[in-house]
N, C-alpha and C. Protein backbone atom coordinates (compact mmCIF):
# COMPACT_ATOMS: atom_id res chain seq x y z
N MET A 1 -16.37 -10.86 -6.49
CA MET A 1 -15.19 -10.59 -6.17
C MET A 1 -13.74 -10.38 -6.40
N THR A 2 -13.03 -9.26 -5.66
CA THR A 2 -11.84 -9.42 -6.29
C THR A 2 -10.78 -10.53 -5.73
N THR A 3 -10.27 -10.49 -6.66
CA THR A 3 -9.13 -11.43 -7.03
C THR A 3 -8.30 -10.46 -7.33
N PRO A 4 -6.86 -11.42 -6.76
CA PRO A 4 -5.87 -10.76 -6.30
C PRO A 4 -4.79 -10.13 -7.11
N SER A 5 -4.93 -9.69 -8.34
CA SER A 5 -4.47 -9.04 -8.93
C SER A 5 -5.60 -7.67 -9.07
N ASP A 6 -7.15 -7.80 -8.80
CA ASP A 6 -7.44 -6.26 -8.68
C ASP A 6 -7.09 -5.48 -7.65
N ILE A 7 -6.24 -5.46 -6.70
CA ILE A 7 -6.28 -5.06 -5.36
C ILE A 7 -4.70 -4.79 -5.65
N LEU A 8 -3.52 -5.56 -5.76
CA LEU A 8 -2.35 -5.22 -5.39
C LEU A 8 -1.72 -5.62 -6.82
N ARG A 9 -0.83 -4.83 -7.30
CA ARG A 9 0.01 -4.96 -8.59
C ARG A 9 1.80 -5.39 -8.55
N TRP A 10 1.69 -6.22 -8.96
CA TRP A 10 3.48 -6.67 -8.11
C TRP A 10 4.41 -6.28 -9.70
N LYS A 11 5.14 -5.49 -9.34
CA LYS A 11 5.98 -5.03 -11.15
C LYS A 11 7.54 -5.13 -10.27
N THR A 12 7.84 -6.55 -11.55
CA THR A 12 9.40 -6.56 -10.93
C THR A 12 10.13 -5.97 -11.59
N GLU A 13 10.24 -4.55 -12.20
CA GLU A 13 11.42 -3.95 -12.32
C GLU A 13 10.67 -2.13 -12.50
N PRO A 14 10.94 -1.62 -11.23
CA PRO A 14 11.86 -2.01 -10.12
C PRO A 14 10.83 -2.72 -9.41
N ASN A 15 11.44 -3.53 -7.95
CA ASN A 15 10.81 -4.03 -7.40
C ASN A 15 9.52 -3.42 -6.12
N VAL A 16 8.53 -3.23 -7.14
CA VAL A 16 7.74 -2.47 -5.93
C VAL A 16 5.98 -3.42 -6.22
N LEU A 17 5.14 -3.16 -5.23
CA LEU A 17 3.91 -3.43 -5.17
C LEU A 17 3.06 -1.93 -5.35
N GLU A 18 1.54 -2.15 -6.43
CA GLU A 18 1.07 -1.26 -6.46
C GLU A 18 -0.14 -1.33 -6.01
N PHE A 19 -0.49 -0.45 -5.53
CA PHE A 19 -2.06 -0.64 -5.06
C PHE A 19 -3.05 1.24 -5.87
N TYR A 20 -4.44 1.18 -5.54
CA TYR A 20 -4.68 2.18 -5.55
C TYR A 20 -4.89 2.81 -4.23
N CYS A 21 -5.06 3.77 -4.30
CA CYS A 21 -5.47 4.87 -3.35
C CYS A 21 -6.78 5.60 -3.07
N PRO A 22 -7.76 5.11 -2.24
CA PRO A 22 -8.85 5.67 -2.52
C PRO A 22 -9.04 7.25 -2.05
N GLY A 23 -8.14 7.78 -0.65
CA GLY A 23 -8.01 8.97 -0.28
C GLY A 23 -7.59 9.92 -1.34
N CYS A 24 -6.41 9.59 -2.09
CA CYS A 24 -5.39 10.10 -2.71
C CYS A 24 -5.97 10.17 -4.44
N LYS A 25 -6.89 9.09 -4.49
CA LYS A 25 -7.62 8.85 -5.49
C LYS A 25 -6.18 8.72 -6.99
N THR A 26 -4.95 7.65 -6.41
CA THR A 26 -4.15 7.04 -6.91
C THR A 26 -3.52 6.35 -7.30
N LEU A 27 -2.73 5.84 -7.98
CA LEU A 27 -2.07 4.64 -7.37
C LEU A 27 -0.49 5.04 -6.31
N HIS A 28 -0.18 4.10 -5.21
CA HIS A 28 0.82 4.36 -4.18
C HIS A 28 1.63 3.03 -4.69
N GLN A 29 2.90 2.79 -4.38
CA GLN A 29 4.00 2.40 -4.74
C GLN A 29 4.50 2.19 -3.25
N ILE A 30 4.96 0.75 -3.22
CA ILE A 30 5.47 -0.18 -2.14
C ILE A 30 6.90 -0.57 -2.53
N ASP A 31 8.29 -0.15 -1.94
CA ASP A 31 9.55 -0.37 -2.70
C ASP A 31 9.71 -1.71 -1.78
N LEU A 32 9.77 -2.83 -2.34
CA LEU A 32 10.07 -4.35 -1.16
C LEU A 32 11.27 -4.01 -0.87
N SER A 33 12.47 -3.52 -1.64
CA SER A 33 13.60 -3.32 -1.43
C SER A 33 14.04 -2.61 0.15
N VAL A 34 13.38 -1.81 0.79
CA VAL A 34 13.92 -1.48 1.60
C VAL A 34 12.59 -2.26 2.66
N LEU A 35 11.59 -3.04 2.80
CA LEU A 35 11.40 -3.34 4.04
C LEU A 35 12.70 -3.80 4.59
N PRO A 36 11.98 -3.77 5.74
CA PRO A 36 13.59 -4.41 6.90
C PRO A 36 13.64 -6.02 6.69
N ASN A 37 15.34 -6.39 6.55
CA ASN A 37 15.51 -7.48 6.23
C ASN A 37 15.25 -8.10 4.88
N TYR A 38 15.23 -6.83 4.13
CA TYR A 38 14.96 -7.73 2.78
C TYR A 38 16.20 -8.68 2.05
N LYS A 39 17.61 -7.26 2.72
CA LYS A 39 18.48 -8.50 1.89
C LYS A 39 18.81 -9.73 2.26
N ARG A 40 18.66 -10.34 3.17
CA ARG A 40 18.67 -11.56 4.04
C ARG A 40 17.36 -12.12 3.81
N GLN A 41 16.30 -11.83 4.10
CA GLN A 41 14.67 -12.68 3.53
C GLN A 41 14.20 -11.42 2.68
N PRO A 42 13.94 -11.94 1.21
CA PRO A 42 12.87 -11.07 0.39
C PRO A 42 11.78 -10.96 1.25
N ASN A 43 11.13 -9.86 0.62
CA ASN A 43 9.90 -9.46 1.11
C ASN A 43 9.31 -9.70 2.64
N ALA A 44 10.71 -10.15 3.45
CA ALA A 44 10.46 -9.79 5.51
C ALA A 44 9.49 -8.58 5.71
N GLY A 45 8.50 -8.40 5.80
CA GLY A 45 7.26 -7.48 6.81
C GLY A 45 6.07 -7.24 5.86
N TRP A 46 6.12 -8.37 4.98
CA TRP A 46 5.35 -8.58 4.24
C TRP A 46 4.58 -9.77 4.14
N ASN A 47 3.07 -10.34 4.52
CA ASN A 47 2.68 -11.41 4.31
C ASN A 47 2.64 -12.67 2.93
N ASN A 48 3.17 -11.54 1.98
CA ASN A 48 3.37 -12.42 0.76
C ASN A 48 1.72 -12.83 -0.35
N SER A 49 0.93 -12.05 0.76
CA SER A 49 -0.50 -12.13 -0.07
C SER A 49 -1.01 -10.81 -0.78
N PHE A 50 -2.06 -11.39 -2.32
CA PHE A 50 -2.48 -10.23 -3.03
C PHE A 50 -3.63 -10.56 -2.21
N VAL A 51 -4.65 -11.00 -1.83
CA VAL A 51 -5.76 -11.05 -1.08
C VAL A 51 -6.07 -10.48 -0.29
N SER A 52 -5.15 -10.56 1.08
CA SER A 52 -5.57 -9.30 2.02
C SER A 52 -4.28 -9.29 2.61
N PRO A 53 -3.73 -8.17 2.16
CA PRO A 53 -1.74 -8.54 1.81
C PRO A 53 -2.07 -7.19 3.38
N SER A 54 -1.07 -7.84 4.29
CA SER A 54 -0.53 -6.89 5.56
C SER A 54 1.02 -6.20 5.72
N PHE A 55 1.55 -5.34 5.62
CA PHE A 55 2.83 -5.16 5.65
C PHE A 55 3.01 -4.48 7.84
N THR A 56 3.84 -5.14 8.35
CA THR A 56 4.22 -4.81 9.27
C THR A 56 4.58 -3.48 9.84
N GLN A 57 4.90 -2.66 8.84
CA GLN A 57 5.19 -1.08 8.96
C GLN A 57 4.12 -0.30 8.03
N ASN A 58 4.53 0.76 8.80
CA ASN A 58 3.63 2.44 7.96
C ASN A 58 4.39 2.55 7.21
N PHE A 59 3.58 3.64 6.16
CA PHE A 59 3.85 4.30 5.20
C PHE A 59 3.52 5.52 5.10
N GLN A 60 4.37 6.31 3.89
CA GLN A 60 3.87 8.01 4.29
C GLN A 60 4.53 8.48 2.47
N VAL A 61 3.65 8.91 1.57
CA VAL A 61 3.42 9.35 0.52
C VAL A 61 3.82 10.59 0.75
N PHE A 62 5.08 11.35 0.01
CA PHE A 62 5.62 12.85 -0.07
C PHE A 62 4.89 12.72 -1.45
N LYS A 63 4.91 14.48 -1.79
CA LYS A 63 4.89 15.25 -2.69
C LYS A 63 4.93 16.28 -2.47
N ASP A 64 6.12 16.62 -1.90
CA ASP A 64 6.85 18.10 -1.88
C ASP A 64 6.37 18.35 -0.43
N ALA A 65 5.06 17.64 -0.08
CA ALA A 65 5.37 18.02 1.47
C ALA A 65 4.31 16.06 1.97
N LEU A 66 3.83 16.01 3.09
CA LEU A 66 3.69 14.45 3.24
C LEU A 66 1.88 15.20 2.86
N VAL A 67 1.38 13.70 2.41
CA VAL A 67 0.27 13.94 1.46
C VAL A 67 -0.36 12.68 2.19
N CYS A 68 -0.36 11.59 2.02
CA CYS A 68 -0.91 10.80 2.52
C CYS A 68 -0.55 9.61 3.57
N ALA A 69 -0.38 8.90 4.53
CA ALA A 69 -0.01 8.34 5.61
C ALA A 69 -0.46 6.73 5.92
N TYR A 70 -0.08 5.94 6.03
CA TYR A 70 -1.16 4.70 5.93
C TYR A 70 -0.32 3.09 6.76
N SER A 71 -1.12 2.80 6.69
CA SER A 71 -0.93 0.94 7.34
C SER A 71 -1.91 0.24 6.48
N MET A 72 -1.37 -1.02 5.93
CA MET A 72 -1.71 -1.60 5.60
C MET A 72 -2.04 -3.01 6.67
N ARG A 73 -3.04 -3.63 6.96
CA ARG A 73 -3.38 -4.67 7.61
C ARG A 73 -4.33 -5.09 7.18
N ASN A 74 -4.11 -6.97 6.61
CA ASN A 74 -5.27 -7.72 6.66
C ASN A 74 -5.87 -7.04 5.25
N GLY A 75 -5.78 -6.84 4.26
CA GLY A 75 -6.92 -5.82 3.03
C GLY A 75 -7.10 -4.91 3.34
N ALA A 76 -7.08 -3.91 4.39
CA ALA A 76 -7.65 -2.70 4.47
C ALA A 76 -6.44 -1.54 4.85
N LEU A 77 -6.54 -0.29 4.62
CA LEU A 77 -6.23 0.35 4.54
C LEU A 77 -6.30 1.59 5.76
N THR A 78 -5.52 1.68 6.80
CA THR A 78 -5.76 2.98 8.04
C THR A 78 -4.51 3.75 7.83
N PHE A 79 -5.77 5.32 7.29
CA PHE A 79 -4.95 6.53 7.13
C PHE A 79 -4.56 7.29 8.06
N GLY A 80 -3.53 8.14 8.56
CA GLY A 80 -2.82 8.50 9.86
C GLY A 80 -4.11 9.76 9.86
N SER A 81 -3.88 10.27 10.13
CA SER A 81 -4.51 11.90 10.40
C SER A 81 -3.90 12.78 10.07
N GLU A 82 -2.49 12.43 9.88
CA GLU A 82 -2.01 13.34 9.09
C GLU A 82 -2.01 13.63 7.63
N SER A 83 -2.52 12.66 6.92
CA SER A 83 -3.12 12.88 5.56
C SER A 83 -3.59 13.91 5.33
N VAL A 84 -3.43 14.36 3.99
CA VAL A 84 -4.29 15.61 3.85
C VAL A 84 -5.71 15.22 2.53
N HIS A 85 -6.00 14.20 2.82
CA HIS A 85 -7.20 14.02 2.18
C HIS A 85 -8.75 13.47 3.51
N GLU A 86 -9.50 13.32 2.25
CA GLU A 86 -10.71 13.39 3.58
C GLU A 86 -11.09 11.84 4.06
N LEU A 87 -10.02 10.67 3.75
CA LEU A 87 -9.67 9.71 4.29
C LEU A 87 -9.01 9.83 5.56
N ALA A 88 -8.33 11.01 5.76
CA ALA A 88 -7.79 10.83 6.84
C ALA A 88 -8.16 10.36 8.63
N GLY A 89 -7.39 9.77 9.41
CA GLY A 89 -7.71 8.90 10.41
C GLY A 89 -9.03 7.98 9.81
N GLN A 90 -9.45 7.38 9.35
CA GLN A 90 -10.11 6.34 8.73
C GLN A 90 -9.64 5.33 8.29
N THR A 91 -10.70 3.77 8.35
CA THR A 91 -10.11 2.58 7.93
C THR A 91 -10.70 2.13 6.80
N THR A 92 -9.78 1.37 5.87
CA THR A 92 -11.54 1.33 4.41
C THR A 92 -10.42 -0.06 4.05
N GLU A 93 -11.68 -0.62 2.84
CA GLU A 93 -11.12 -2.15 2.80
C GLU A 93 -10.54 -1.43 1.47
N MET A 94 -9.04 -1.94 0.67
CA MET A 94 -8.68 -1.90 -0.67
C MET A 94 -9.79 -1.91 -1.50
N VAL A 95 -9.12 -0.95 -2.72
CA VAL A 95 -10.82 -0.95 -3.67
C VAL A 95 -9.75 -2.19 -4.91
N PRO A 96 -10.73 -2.17 -6.03
CA PRO A 96 -9.52 -2.53 -7.34
C PRO A 96 -8.60 -1.31 -7.49
N ILE A 97 -7.90 -1.89 -8.57
CA ILE A 97 -7.27 -0.45 -8.96
C ILE A 97 -8.17 -0.32 -10.48
N PRO A 98 -7.73 0.56 -10.92
CA PRO A 98 -8.74 0.90 -11.32
C PRO A 98 -8.35 0.77 -13.34
N THR A 99 -9.23 0.43 -14.34
CA THR A 99 -8.30 0.16 -15.23
C THR A 99 -8.44 1.93 -16.19
N VAL A 100 -7.58 1.33 -16.92
CA VAL A 100 -7.65 3.25 -18.08
C VAL A 100 -8.07 2.45 -19.65
């Protein structure tokens, strides 16, 4: 069974969530301070679940150019067709963050 800290990790400095992207095969971060209504209602746009996380917005990761576009709903990642990895256009369950 996957425990909450296995798929989603919260770092308070800076205020980000980290998860492992099975498409890019690396960690991605979500900066909670840029979510809608953050100043009035911290974590607005996130359901505050570490077990089955959902966000109301889509995300993009850039490294010189767009690398990964995704949405996170109910603990699953849906990758946009514009992503440059083999999971583009697919949905997959979140996987545990690898230990080093």
